[in-house]
Amino acid sequence: MARDRFTLLLKEVRACQACAPDLPHGVRPVLQAHPDARVLLVGQAPGRKVHASGVPFDDASGERLRAWLGVSRDVFYDPHQIAIVPMGFCYPGTGRSGDLPPRPACAPLWRERLLAGLPGIRLTVVIGQYAQRHHLPAAGAGFTEVVKAWAVHLPGAMPIPHPSPRNNAWLKRHPWFEQDAVPALQAAVARALGASEDSPGARSVG
C-alpha cells in the first residue's frame, strides 16, 4: 500500500462513526501506525483514561507495558518504530468486571486493510485474550497455556497478558512470566527494532 493511501486510511479510521450508537462515552478511535513500524502491539480497546487523552496506553498499563518491552516513551510513541492497533479503537465502556469487550464491528471494518499497510512488522505482541483469539487462533488452548508456550510463537509473535493492574493476581500466580518471558520479549523487541529493511524475519501475524 502506498504511503499516501495509508495516511488517508488512518484519517478514515479516525473519522469512523460505525459504532457511535453503541458507545456510551462517544467515538474516539485511538491507534498509532506507520508503514515503517517494525513492532505491532495488539491489545483489547482503549480504557477510560486513554479515551480522555487520545494517547494509547497513557495509563498505568502503559507504564508496565513499556517496562516489559524494554523501551522508552520516545520509542514507544514513535509510529515509525511501534504500531499500536488494538482490536477495537474506541472505549467500549465498563461492565461489572472491568471494561467491556471491543465492539465486534471494528476489526472486520478496518483490521485487514491496516495490517496490509504495515509491511515492515517483524514482531507482533499479542496482548490479552481478545487479541489472542484473533491473531493466534490456531493456538487453541486457554489463555494461560498459550502465554506459557510463548516461545513457540517466536520470532514472529509473542502472546502476553494485559499489563493492567487488574492482572496483578495473575502475575503473582505465574511468576515465570516476568522471570522468563519478559526478558525474551525484550530481546525480541530489540531484534525487531534493530532489523534492517532486508533482514529475514516474520511479518505481522494476522
N, C-alpha and C. Protein backbone atom coordinates (compact mmCIF):
# COMPACT_ATOMS: atom_id res chain seq x y z
N MET A 1 0.85 -1.19 0.00
CA MET A 1 0.00 0.00 0.00
C MET A 1 0.88 1.25 0.00
N ALA A 2 0.59 2.18 -0.90
CA ALA A 2 1.34 3.43 -0.96
C ALA A 2 1.14 4.23 0.32
N ARG A 3 2.17 4.99 0.70
CA ARG A 3 2.10 5.70 1.98
C ARG A 3 1.01 6.75 2.01
N ASP A 4 0.77 7.40 0.89
CA ASP A 4 -0.30 8.40 0.88
C ASP A 4 -1.66 7.73 1.07
N ARG A 5 -1.82 6.53 0.53
CA ARG A 5 -3.07 5.79 0.73
C ARG A 5 -3.22 5.36 2.19
N PHE A 6 -2.10 5.00 2.82
CA PHE A 6 -2.18 4.61 4.23
C PHE A 6 -2.55 5.81 5.10
N THR A 7 -2.01 6.98 4.78
CA THR A 7 -2.37 8.19 5.51
C THR A 7 -3.86 8.48 5.39
N LEU A 8 -4.39 8.31 4.21
CA LEU A 8 -5.83 8.50 4.01
C LEU A 8 -6.64 7.46 4.77
N LEU A 9 -6.15 6.23 4.82
CA LEU A 9 -6.84 5.18 5.56
C LEU A 9 -6.89 5.53 7.05
N LEU A 10 -5.79 6.02 7.62
CA LEU A 10 -5.80 6.41 9.02
C LEU A 10 -6.81 7.53 9.28
N LYS A 11 -6.90 8.47 8.37
CA LYS A 11 -7.88 9.55 8.52
C LYS A 11 -9.30 8.99 8.49
N GLU A 12 -9.51 8.00 7.63
CA GLU A 12 -10.83 7.37 7.53
C GLU A 12 -11.17 6.64 8.82
N VAL A 13 -10.20 5.92 9.37
CA VAL A 13 -10.42 5.20 10.63
C VAL A 13 -10.76 6.19 11.74
N ARG A 14 -10.02 7.27 11.83
CA ARG A 14 -10.22 8.23 12.92
C ARG A 14 -11.52 9.01 12.78
N ALA A 15 -12.12 8.95 11.60
CA ALA A 15 -13.41 9.61 11.39
C ALA A 15 -14.58 8.63 11.46
N CYS A 16 -14.28 7.35 11.78
CA CYS A 16 -15.31 6.31 11.76
C CYS A 16 -16.41 6.60 12.80
N GLN A 17 -17.65 6.38 12.40
CA GLN A 17 -18.81 6.54 13.28
C GLN A 17 -19.65 5.27 13.33
N ALA A 18 -19.09 4.16 12.86
CA ALA A 18 -19.88 2.94 12.71
C ALA A 18 -20.51 2.46 14.01
N CYS A 19 -19.80 2.62 15.13
CA CYS A 19 -20.30 2.11 16.41
C CYS A 19 -20.86 3.20 17.31
N ALA A 20 -21.03 4.40 16.78
CA ALA A 20 -21.44 5.53 17.61
C ALA A 20 -22.68 5.24 18.47
N PRO A 21 -23.71 4.58 17.94
CA PRO A 21 -24.89 4.33 18.78
C PRO A 21 -24.64 3.40 19.97
N ASP A 22 -23.53 2.64 19.91
CA ASP A 22 -23.26 1.63 20.94
C ASP A 22 -22.13 2.03 21.89
N LEU A 23 -21.63 3.26 21.75
CA LEU A 23 -20.52 3.70 22.58
C LEU A 23 -21.03 4.73 23.59
N PRO A 24 -21.17 4.35 24.86
CA PRO A 24 -21.79 5.24 25.84
C PRO A 24 -20.98 6.51 26.11
N HIS A 25 -19.69 6.50 25.80
CA HIS A 25 -18.84 7.67 26.06
C HIS A 25 -18.44 8.39 24.77
N GLY A 26 -19.04 8.00 23.67
CA GLY A 26 -18.77 8.67 22.40
C GLY A 26 -17.65 8.02 21.61
N VAL A 27 -17.46 8.54 20.41
CA VAL A 27 -16.49 7.99 19.46
C VAL A 27 -15.16 8.71 19.61
N ARG A 28 -14.09 7.94 19.78
CA ARG A 28 -12.74 8.48 19.74
C ARG A 28 -11.76 7.36 19.43
N PRO A 29 -11.57 7.05 18.14
CA PRO A 29 -10.63 5.98 17.79
C PRO A 29 -9.20 6.34 18.22
N VAL A 30 -8.54 5.40 18.86
CA VAL A 30 -7.17 5.61 19.33
C VAL A 30 -6.29 4.50 18.77
N LEU A 31 -5.33 4.88 17.95
CA LEU A 31 -4.37 3.94 17.40
C LEU A 31 -3.14 4.71 16.94
N GLN A 32 -2.10 3.98 16.61
CA GLN A 32 -0.83 4.56 16.16
C GLN A 32 -0.24 3.62 15.13
N ALA A 33 0.10 4.15 13.95
CA ALA A 33 0.64 3.26 12.92
C ALA A 33 1.36 4.06 11.85
N HIS A 34 2.37 3.45 11.26
CA HIS A 34 3.11 4.00 10.13
C HIS A 34 3.71 2.82 9.38
N PRO A 35 3.79 2.90 8.05
CA PRO A 35 4.34 1.77 7.29
C PRO A 35 5.75 1.38 7.67
N ASP A 36 6.52 2.26 8.32
CA ASP A 36 7.88 1.93 8.72
C ASP A 36 7.95 1.07 9.98
N ALA A 37 6.86 0.94 10.72
CA ALA A 37 6.88 0.28 12.03
C ALA A 37 7.39 -1.15 11.93
N ARG A 38 8.17 -1.57 12.95
CA ARG A 38 8.74 -2.92 12.99
C ARG A 38 8.05 -3.80 14.02
N VAL A 39 7.46 -3.19 15.05
CA VAL A 39 6.78 -3.94 16.10
C VAL A 39 5.31 -3.53 16.12
N LEU A 40 4.43 -4.51 16.18
CA LEU A 40 2.99 -4.26 16.25
C LEU A 40 2.47 -4.70 17.61
N LEU A 41 1.82 -3.79 18.32
CA LEU A 41 1.17 -4.11 19.59
C LEU A 41 -0.32 -4.23 19.35
N VAL A 42 -0.89 -5.36 19.73
CA VAL A 42 -2.31 -5.62 19.55
C VAL A 42 -2.94 -5.85 20.91
N GLY A 43 -3.73 -4.90 21.37
CA GLY A 43 -4.41 -5.04 22.64
C GLY A 43 -5.90 -5.19 22.46
N GLN A 44 -6.64 -4.84 23.48
CA GLN A 44 -8.09 -5.02 23.50
C GLN A 44 -8.80 -3.81 22.91
N ALA A 45 -8.88 -2.73 23.68
CA ALA A 45 -9.52 -1.49 23.27
C ALA A 45 -9.09 -0.43 24.28
N PRO A 46 -9.16 0.84 23.92
CA PRO A 46 -8.77 1.88 24.88
C PRO A 46 -9.62 1.84 26.15
N GLY A 47 -9.00 2.19 27.26
CA GLY A 47 -9.73 2.35 28.52
C GLY A 47 -10.21 3.78 28.70
N ARG A 48 -10.78 4.04 29.87
CA ARG A 48 -11.36 5.35 30.13
C ARG A 48 -10.32 6.47 30.03
N LYS A 49 -9.15 6.28 30.65
CA LYS A 49 -8.14 7.34 30.64
C LYS A 49 -7.60 7.58 29.23
N VAL A 50 -7.38 6.50 28.48
CA VAL A 50 -6.90 6.65 27.11
C VAL A 50 -7.96 7.33 26.25
N HIS A 51 -9.22 7.02 26.47
CA HIS A 51 -10.30 7.69 25.75
C HIS A 51 -10.24 9.20 26.01
N ALA A 52 -9.95 9.58 27.24
CA ALA A 52 -9.92 11.01 27.57
C ALA A 52 -8.73 11.72 26.94
N SER A 53 -7.58 11.04 26.90
CA SER A 53 -6.37 11.70 26.40
C SER A 53 -6.16 11.53 24.90
N GLY A 54 -6.68 10.42 24.35
CA GLY A 54 -6.43 10.12 22.94
C GLY A 54 -5.05 9.54 22.69
N VAL A 55 -4.32 9.18 23.75
CA VAL A 55 -2.96 8.65 23.63
C VAL A 55 -2.97 7.18 24.04
N PRO A 56 -2.56 6.26 23.17
CA PRO A 56 -2.62 4.84 23.51
C PRO A 56 -1.75 4.48 24.71
N PHE A 57 -2.28 3.64 25.59
CA PHE A 57 -1.58 3.17 26.78
C PHE A 57 -1.06 4.33 27.63
N ASP A 58 -1.85 5.37 27.73
CA ASP A 58 -1.49 6.53 28.55
C ASP A 58 -2.03 6.34 29.96
N ASP A 59 -1.56 5.27 30.62
CA ASP A 59 -2.10 4.92 31.94
C ASP A 59 -1.12 3.97 32.62
N ALA A 60 -1.52 3.43 33.75
CA ALA A 60 -0.63 2.51 34.48
C ALA A 60 -0.30 1.27 33.66
N SER A 61 -1.25 0.81 32.85
CA SER A 61 -0.98 -0.34 31.98
C SER A 61 0.17 -0.03 31.03
N GLY A 62 0.19 1.18 30.51
CA GLY A 62 1.24 1.58 29.58
C GLY A 62 2.61 1.62 30.23
N GLU A 63 2.66 2.08 31.48
CA GLU A 63 3.94 2.12 32.18
C GLU A 63 4.50 0.71 32.33
N ARG A 64 3.64 -0.22 32.73
CA ARG A 64 4.11 -1.61 32.87
C ARG A 64 4.47 -2.20 31.51
N LEU A 65 3.68 -1.93 30.50
CA LEU A 65 3.95 -2.49 29.18
C LEU A 65 5.29 -2.00 28.64
N ARG A 66 5.59 -0.71 28.80
CA ARG A 66 6.87 -0.19 28.33
C ARG A 66 8.03 -0.86 29.07
N ALA A 67 7.85 -1.12 30.36
CA ALA A 67 8.88 -1.83 31.12
C ALA A 67 9.05 -3.25 30.60
N TRP A 68 7.94 -3.94 30.33
CA TRP A 68 8.03 -5.29 29.79
C TRP A 68 8.74 -5.31 28.44
N LEU A 69 8.44 -4.33 27.60
CA LEU A 69 9.03 -4.27 26.26
C LEU A 69 10.49 -3.82 26.30
N GLY A 70 10.87 -3.11 27.36
CA GLY A 70 12.22 -2.59 27.47
C GLY A 70 12.46 -1.39 26.57
N VAL A 71 11.43 -0.53 26.39
CA VAL A 71 11.56 0.64 25.52
C VAL A 71 11.20 1.90 26.29
N SER A 72 11.74 3.01 25.84
CA SER A 72 11.43 4.31 26.43
C SER A 72 10.09 4.83 25.88
N ARG A 73 9.57 5.88 26.50
CA ARG A 73 8.36 6.52 25.98
C ARG A 73 8.58 7.04 24.57
N ASP A 74 9.77 7.59 24.31
CA ASP A 74 10.04 8.14 22.98
C ASP A 74 9.95 7.06 21.91
N VAL A 75 10.52 5.89 22.19
CA VAL A 75 10.44 4.79 21.22
C VAL A 75 9.01 4.27 21.13
N PHE A 76 8.37 4.11 22.28
CA PHE A 76 7.02 3.56 22.32
C PHE A 76 6.04 4.40 21.49
N TYR A 77 6.19 5.72 21.56
CA TYR A 77 5.25 6.60 20.86
C TYR A 77 5.78 7.09 19.51
N ASP A 78 6.77 6.41 18.99
CA ASP A 78 7.27 6.70 17.64
C ASP A 78 6.60 5.74 16.66
N PRO A 79 5.63 6.20 15.87
CA PRO A 79 4.92 5.28 14.97
C PRO A 79 5.82 4.69 13.89
N HIS A 80 6.97 5.30 13.65
CA HIS A 80 7.91 4.72 12.69
C HIS A 80 8.57 3.46 13.24
N GLN A 81 8.47 3.26 14.56
CA GLN A 81 9.06 2.07 15.18
C GLN A 81 8.00 1.10 15.71
N ILE A 82 6.98 1.63 16.37
CA ILE A 82 5.97 0.78 17.00
C ILE A 82 4.58 1.19 16.55
N ALA A 83 3.84 0.22 16.02
CA ALA A 83 2.43 0.42 15.68
C ALA A 83 1.57 -0.12 16.82
N ILE A 84 0.52 0.60 17.16
CA ILE A 84 -0.40 0.18 18.22
C ILE A 84 -1.80 0.12 17.60
N VAL A 85 -2.26 -1.08 17.32
CA VAL A 85 -3.52 -1.28 16.59
C VAL A 85 -4.37 -2.27 17.39
N PRO A 86 -5.17 -1.80 18.34
CA PRO A 86 -5.97 -2.70 19.17
C PRO A 86 -7.11 -3.34 18.39
N MET A 87 -7.76 -4.31 19.01
CA MET A 87 -8.88 -4.99 18.36
C MET A 87 -10.09 -4.07 18.21
N GLY A 88 -10.23 -3.12 19.11
CA GLY A 88 -11.26 -2.09 19.00
C GLY A 88 -10.61 -0.75 19.22
N PHE A 89 -10.99 0.26 18.45
CA PHE A 89 -10.31 1.55 18.52
C PHE A 89 -10.95 2.54 19.48
N CYS A 90 -12.17 2.27 19.91
CA CYS A 90 -12.89 3.19 20.80
C CYS A 90 -13.17 2.53 22.15
N TYR A 91 -13.22 3.34 23.18
CA TYR A 91 -13.53 2.86 24.53
C TYR A 91 -14.96 2.33 24.57
N PRO A 92 -15.14 1.04 24.88
CA PRO A 92 -16.48 0.43 24.83
C PRO A 92 -17.33 0.66 26.07
N GLY A 93 -16.73 1.24 27.13
CA GLY A 93 -17.45 1.39 28.38
C GLY A 93 -17.07 0.30 29.37
N THR A 94 -17.64 0.38 30.55
CA THR A 94 -17.29 -0.53 31.64
C THR A 94 -18.45 -1.42 32.03
N GLY A 95 -18.15 -2.69 32.26
CA GLY A 95 -19.15 -3.64 32.73
C GLY A 95 -18.92 -3.97 34.19
N ARG A 96 -19.49 -5.08 34.66
CA ARG A 96 -19.41 -5.45 36.06
C ARG A 96 -18.00 -5.82 36.50
N SER A 97 -17.22 -6.40 35.60
CA SER A 97 -15.90 -6.89 35.98
C SER A 97 -14.77 -6.20 35.23
N GLY A 98 -15.02 -5.00 34.74
CA GLY A 98 -13.98 -4.29 34.01
C GLY A 98 -14.51 -3.74 32.70
N ASP A 99 -13.60 -3.32 31.85
CA ASP A 99 -14.01 -2.77 30.57
C ASP A 99 -14.73 -3.82 29.73
N LEU A 100 -15.71 -3.36 28.96
CA LEU A 100 -16.44 -4.25 28.06
C LEU A 100 -15.54 -4.71 26.92
N PRO A 101 -15.92 -5.79 26.22
CA PRO A 101 -15.12 -6.25 25.08
C PRO A 101 -15.11 -5.21 23.96
N PRO A 102 -14.12 -5.29 23.07
CA PRO A 102 -14.11 -4.40 21.90
C PRO A 102 -15.39 -4.55 21.10
N ARG A 103 -15.83 -3.48 20.49
CA ARG A 103 -17.02 -3.57 19.66
C ARG A 103 -16.74 -4.51 18.49
N PRO A 104 -17.64 -5.45 18.19
CA PRO A 104 -17.35 -6.50 17.21
C PRO A 104 -17.25 -6.01 15.78
N ALA A 105 -17.78 -4.82 15.48
CA ALA A 105 -17.74 -4.33 14.09
C ALA A 105 -16.38 -3.77 13.71
N CYS A 106 -15.55 -3.44 14.69
CA CYS A 106 -14.32 -2.69 14.41
C CYS A 106 -13.33 -3.50 13.58
N ALA A 107 -12.99 -4.68 14.05
CA ALA A 107 -11.97 -5.48 13.35
C ALA A 107 -12.36 -5.82 11.91
N PRO A 108 -13.58 -6.29 11.64
CA PRO A 108 -13.94 -6.58 10.26
C PRO A 108 -13.89 -5.35 9.35
N LEU A 109 -14.17 -4.19 9.90
CA LEU A 109 -14.16 -2.98 9.09
C LEU A 109 -12.75 -2.54 8.69
N TRP A 110 -11.80 -2.65 9.61
CA TRP A 110 -10.53 -1.96 9.42
C TRP A 110 -9.29 -2.83 9.46
N ARG A 111 -9.32 -3.95 10.16
CA ARG A 111 -8.08 -4.64 10.51
C ARG A 111 -7.28 -5.10 9.31
N GLU A 112 -7.91 -5.75 8.36
CA GLU A 112 -7.18 -6.30 7.22
C GLU A 112 -6.48 -5.20 6.43
N ARG A 113 -7.17 -4.09 6.21
CA ARG A 113 -6.56 -3.01 5.44
C ARG A 113 -5.41 -2.35 6.19
N LEU A 114 -5.57 -2.17 7.50
CA LEU A 114 -4.49 -1.56 8.27
C LEU A 114 -3.25 -2.44 8.30
N LEU A 115 -3.42 -3.73 8.55
CA LEU A 115 -2.27 -4.62 8.61
C LEU A 115 -1.59 -4.74 7.25
N ALA A 116 -2.37 -4.64 6.18
CA ALA A 116 -1.78 -4.67 4.84
C ALA A 116 -0.87 -3.46 4.60
N GLY A 117 -1.10 -2.39 5.33
CA GLY A 117 -0.28 -1.19 5.19
C GLY A 117 0.91 -1.15 6.11
N LEU A 118 1.20 -2.27 6.80
CA LEU A 118 2.33 -2.34 7.73
C LEU A 118 3.28 -3.46 7.28
N PRO A 119 3.97 -3.27 6.15
CA PRO A 119 4.78 -4.35 5.59
C PRO A 119 6.06 -4.64 6.34
N GLY A 120 6.49 -3.74 7.24
CA GLY A 120 7.76 -3.91 7.91
C GLY A 120 7.70 -4.59 9.26
N ILE A 121 6.51 -5.05 9.67
CA ILE A 121 6.37 -5.63 11.00
C ILE A 121 7.19 -6.92 11.11
N ARG A 122 8.03 -6.98 12.15
CA ARG A 122 8.84 -8.16 12.42
C ARG A 122 8.36 -8.92 13.65
N LEU A 123 7.64 -8.23 14.53
CA LEU A 123 7.17 -8.88 15.76
C LEU A 123 5.79 -8.33 16.09
N THR A 124 4.83 -9.23 16.35
CA THR A 124 3.51 -8.85 16.81
C THR A 124 3.36 -9.29 18.26
N VAL A 125 3.17 -8.32 19.14
CA VAL A 125 2.97 -8.60 20.56
C VAL A 125 1.46 -8.68 20.80
N VAL A 126 1.01 -9.87 21.15
CA VAL A 126 -0.42 -10.16 21.24
C VAL A 126 -0.83 -10.05 22.71
N ILE A 127 -1.57 -8.99 23.04
CA ILE A 127 -1.81 -8.61 24.42
C ILE A 127 -3.24 -8.98 24.84
N GLY A 128 -3.37 -10.01 25.66
CA GLY A 128 -4.67 -10.36 26.20
C GLY A 128 -5.47 -11.31 25.32
N GLN A 129 -6.60 -11.77 25.87
CA GLN A 129 -7.35 -12.85 25.25
C GLN A 129 -8.06 -12.45 23.95
N TYR A 130 -8.55 -11.23 23.83
CA TYR A 130 -9.26 -10.84 22.62
C TYR A 130 -8.31 -10.78 21.43
N ALA A 131 -7.12 -10.24 21.65
CA ALA A 131 -6.12 -10.21 20.59
C ALA A 131 -5.65 -11.62 20.27
N GLN A 132 -5.50 -12.44 21.30
CA GLN A 132 -5.04 -13.81 21.11
C GLN A 132 -6.01 -14.60 20.22
N ARG A 133 -7.29 -14.45 20.48
CA ARG A 133 -8.29 -15.18 19.70
C ARG A 133 -8.22 -14.82 18.22
N HIS A 134 -7.89 -13.57 17.91
CA HIS A 134 -7.85 -13.14 16.52
C HIS A 134 -6.51 -13.48 15.86
N HIS A 135 -5.41 -13.21 16.55
CA HIS A 135 -4.09 -13.32 15.94
C HIS A 135 -3.46 -14.69 16.10
N LEU A 136 -3.87 -15.46 17.11
CA LEU A 136 -3.30 -16.79 17.33
C LEU A 136 -4.41 -17.83 17.48
N PRO A 137 -5.35 -17.88 16.56
CA PRO A 137 -6.48 -18.80 16.73
C PRO A 137 -6.06 -20.26 16.72
N ALA A 138 -4.98 -20.58 16.05
CA ALA A 138 -4.55 -21.98 15.97
C ALA A 138 -3.94 -22.47 17.27
N ALA A 139 -3.61 -21.53 18.18
CA ALA A 139 -3.00 -21.94 19.44
C ALA A 139 -3.96 -22.79 20.27
N GLY A 140 -5.24 -22.48 20.18
CA GLY A 140 -6.28 -23.35 20.71
C GLY A 140 -6.46 -23.34 22.21
N ALA A 141 -5.44 -23.59 22.98
CA ALA A 141 -5.57 -23.79 24.42
C ALA A 141 -6.03 -22.52 25.13
N GLY A 142 -6.27 -22.64 26.43
CA GLY A 142 -6.69 -21.50 27.21
C GLY A 142 -5.62 -20.42 27.24
N PHE A 143 -6.02 -19.24 27.69
CA PHE A 143 -5.15 -18.07 27.64
C PHE A 143 -3.81 -18.32 28.35
N THR A 144 -3.84 -18.80 29.57
CA THR A 144 -2.60 -19.00 30.33
C THR A 144 -1.70 -20.01 29.63
N GLU A 145 -2.27 -21.08 29.09
CA GLU A 145 -1.47 -22.09 28.42
C GLU A 145 -0.78 -21.52 27.18
N VAL A 146 -1.49 -20.65 26.45
CA VAL A 146 -0.89 -20.04 25.26
C VAL A 146 0.26 -19.12 25.65
N VAL A 147 0.05 -18.30 26.68
CA VAL A 147 1.12 -17.41 27.13
C VAL A 147 2.31 -18.21 27.63
N LYS A 148 2.05 -19.29 28.33
CA LYS A 148 3.14 -20.12 28.87
C LYS A 148 3.95 -20.74 27.74
N ALA A 149 3.34 -20.94 26.59
CA ALA A 149 4.04 -21.50 25.43
C ALA A 149 4.55 -20.39 24.51
N TRP A 150 4.90 -19.25 25.08
CA TRP A 150 5.29 -18.08 24.29
C TRP A 150 6.41 -18.39 23.30
N ALA A 151 7.34 -19.25 23.66
CA ALA A 151 8.50 -19.50 22.80
C ALA A 151 8.10 -20.11 21.47
N VAL A 152 6.98 -20.83 21.45
CA VAL A 152 6.52 -21.48 20.21
C VAL A 152 6.23 -20.46 19.12
N HIS A 153 5.81 -19.26 19.51
CA HIS A 153 5.33 -18.28 18.54
C HIS A 153 6.42 -17.33 18.03
N LEU A 154 7.57 -17.34 18.68
CA LEU A 154 8.67 -16.51 18.21
C LEU A 154 9.31 -17.11 16.96
N PRO A 155 9.89 -16.28 16.07
CA PRO A 155 10.19 -14.87 16.23
C PRO A 155 9.10 -13.91 15.79
N GLY A 156 8.02 -14.42 15.20
CA GLY A 156 7.04 -13.51 14.60
C GLY A 156 6.02 -12.94 15.55
N ALA A 157 5.75 -13.62 16.66
CA ALA A 157 4.70 -13.17 17.58
C ALA A 157 5.05 -13.59 18.99
N MET A 158 4.45 -12.90 19.95
CA MET A 158 4.60 -13.30 21.35
C MET A 158 3.35 -12.92 22.12
N PRO A 159 2.64 -13.90 22.68
CA PRO A 159 1.45 -13.61 23.49
C PRO A 159 1.85 -13.21 24.91
N ILE A 160 1.19 -12.18 25.43
CA ILE A 160 1.44 -11.74 26.80
C ILE A 160 0.11 -11.38 27.45
N PRO A 161 0.06 -11.36 28.78
CA PRO A 161 -1.16 -10.90 29.45
C PRO A 161 -1.30 -9.39 29.30
N HIS A 162 -2.50 -8.89 29.53
CA HIS A 162 -2.66 -7.44 29.54
C HIS A 162 -1.93 -6.89 30.74
N PRO A 163 -1.22 -5.76 30.59
CA PRO A 163 -0.44 -5.22 31.69
C PRO A 163 -1.26 -4.44 32.72
N SER A 164 -2.56 -4.52 32.67
CA SER A 164 -3.42 -3.81 33.60
C SER A 164 -3.16 -4.24 35.05
N PRO A 165 -3.28 -3.30 36.00
CA PRO A 165 -3.20 -3.68 37.42
C PRO A 165 -4.23 -4.73 37.81
N ARG A 166 -5.30 -4.86 37.04
CA ARG A 166 -6.29 -5.90 37.31
C ARG A 166 -5.69 -7.30 37.20
N ASN A 167 -4.56 -7.41 36.51
CA ASN A 167 -3.92 -8.72 36.34
C ASN A 167 -2.80 -8.97 37.34
N ASN A 168 -2.71 -8.14 38.38
CA ASN A 168 -1.67 -8.36 39.39
C ASN A 168 -1.76 -9.74 40.02
N ALA A 169 -2.98 -10.21 40.28
CA ALA A 169 -3.14 -11.53 40.89
C ALA A 169 -2.64 -12.62 39.95
N TRP A 170 -2.94 -12.48 38.65
CA TRP A 170 -2.46 -13.47 37.66
C TRP A 170 -0.93 -13.48 37.65
N LEU A 171 -0.32 -12.31 37.65
CA LEU A 171 1.14 -12.23 37.62
C LEU A 171 1.75 -12.85 38.87
N LYS A 172 1.10 -12.67 40.00
CA LYS A 172 1.60 -13.25 41.25
C LYS A 172 1.52 -14.77 41.21
N ARG A 173 0.45 -15.29 40.58
CA ARG A 173 0.30 -16.75 40.49
C ARG A 173 1.24 -17.36 39.46
N HIS A 174 1.71 -16.55 38.52
CA HIS A 174 2.53 -17.06 37.42
C HIS A 174 3.83 -16.27 37.33
N PRO A 175 4.71 -16.41 38.31
CA PRO A 175 5.95 -15.62 38.33
C PRO A 175 6.87 -15.91 37.15
N TRP A 176 6.70 -17.06 36.49
CA TRP A 176 7.52 -17.39 35.33
C TRP A 176 7.40 -16.35 34.23
N PHE A 177 6.25 -15.64 34.18
CA PHE A 177 6.09 -14.70 33.08
C PHE A 177 7.13 -13.58 33.17
N GLU A 178 7.24 -12.94 34.34
CA GLU A 178 8.20 -11.84 34.46
C GLU A 178 9.64 -12.36 34.59
N GLN A 179 9.81 -13.58 35.07
CA GLN A 179 11.16 -14.13 35.22
C GLN A 179 11.74 -14.61 33.88
N ASP A 180 10.91 -15.26 33.07
CA ASP A 180 11.40 -15.90 31.85
C ASP A 180 10.90 -15.23 30.57
N ALA A 181 9.60 -14.94 30.51
CA ALA A 181 9.02 -14.42 29.27
C ALA A 181 9.41 -12.97 29.02
N VAL A 182 9.42 -12.14 30.05
CA VAL A 182 9.72 -10.72 29.84
C VAL A 182 11.13 -10.51 29.28
N PRO A 183 12.17 -11.15 29.80
CA PRO A 183 13.48 -10.99 29.16
C PRO A 183 13.49 -11.42 27.69
N ALA A 184 12.77 -12.50 27.38
CA ALA A 184 12.69 -12.95 25.98
C ALA A 184 11.93 -11.93 25.14
N LEU A 185 10.88 -11.32 25.71
CA LEU A 185 10.13 -10.29 24.99
C LEU A 185 11.03 -9.09 24.70
N GLN A 186 11.79 -8.66 25.69
CA GLN A 186 12.68 -7.52 25.49
C GLN A 186 13.71 -7.80 24.40
N ALA A 187 14.25 -9.01 24.39
CA ALA A 187 15.22 -9.37 23.36
C ALA A 187 14.57 -9.40 21.98
N ALA A 188 13.33 -9.91 21.90
CA ALA A 188 12.63 -9.96 20.62
C ALA A 188 12.31 -8.57 20.10
N VAL A 189 11.91 -7.67 20.99
CA VAL A 189 11.63 -6.29 20.59
C VAL A 189 12.90 -5.62 20.09
N ALA A 190 13.99 -5.80 20.82
CA ALA A 190 15.25 -5.19 20.42
C ALA A 190 15.69 -5.69 19.05
N ARG A 191 15.52 -6.99 18.80
CA ARG A 191 15.88 -7.53 17.48
C ARG A 191 15.01 -6.94 16.39
N ALA A 192 13.71 -6.87 16.65
CA ALA A 192 12.79 -6.36 15.64
C ALA A 192 13.06 -4.90 15.33
N LEU A 193 13.30 -4.10 16.34
CA LEU A 193 13.53 -2.67 16.12
C LEU A 193 14.88 -2.43 15.46
N GLY A 194 15.81 -3.36 15.65
CA GLY A 194 17.13 -3.19 15.06
C GLY A 194 17.28 -3.85 13.71
N ALA A 195 16.20 -4.54 13.24
CA ALA A 195 16.28 -5.27 11.97
C ALA A 195 16.44 -4.31 10.81
N SER A 196 17.29 -4.65 9.87
CA SER A 196 17.43 -3.86 8.66
C SER A 196 16.29 -4.17 7.70
N GLU A 197 16.11 -3.32 6.72
CA GLU A 197 15.00 -3.46 5.79
C GLU A 197 15.02 -4.79 5.06
N ASP A 198 16.22 -5.31 4.80
CA ASP A 198 16.33 -6.53 4.00
C ASP A 198 16.55 -7.78 4.85
N SER A 199 16.53 -7.62 6.19
CA SER A 199 16.82 -8.78 7.02
C SER A 199 15.64 -9.74 7.03
N PRO A 200 15.90 -11.06 7.16
CA PRO A 200 14.79 -12.01 7.25
C PRO A 200 14.08 -11.88 8.57
N GLY A 201 12.85 -12.27 8.58
CA GLY A 201 12.09 -12.21 9.83
C GLY A 201 10.63 -12.36 9.52
N ALA A 202 9.86 -12.68 10.53
CA ALA A 202 8.45 -12.92 10.31
C ALA A 202 7.71 -11.61 10.17
N ARG A 203 6.67 -11.62 9.39
CA ARG A 203 5.80 -10.47 9.23
C ARG A 203 4.72 -10.49 10.30
N SER A 204 3.80 -9.51 10.22
CA SER A 204 2.71 -9.44 11.18
C SER A 204 1.87 -10.70 11.11
N VAL A 205 1.43 -11.16 12.27
CA VAL A 205 0.55 -12.32 12.33
C VAL A 205 -0.87 -11.82 12.21
N GLY A 206 -1.61 -12.28 11.24
CA GLY A 206 -2.85 -11.62 11.12
C GLY A 206 -4.08 -12.23 10.75
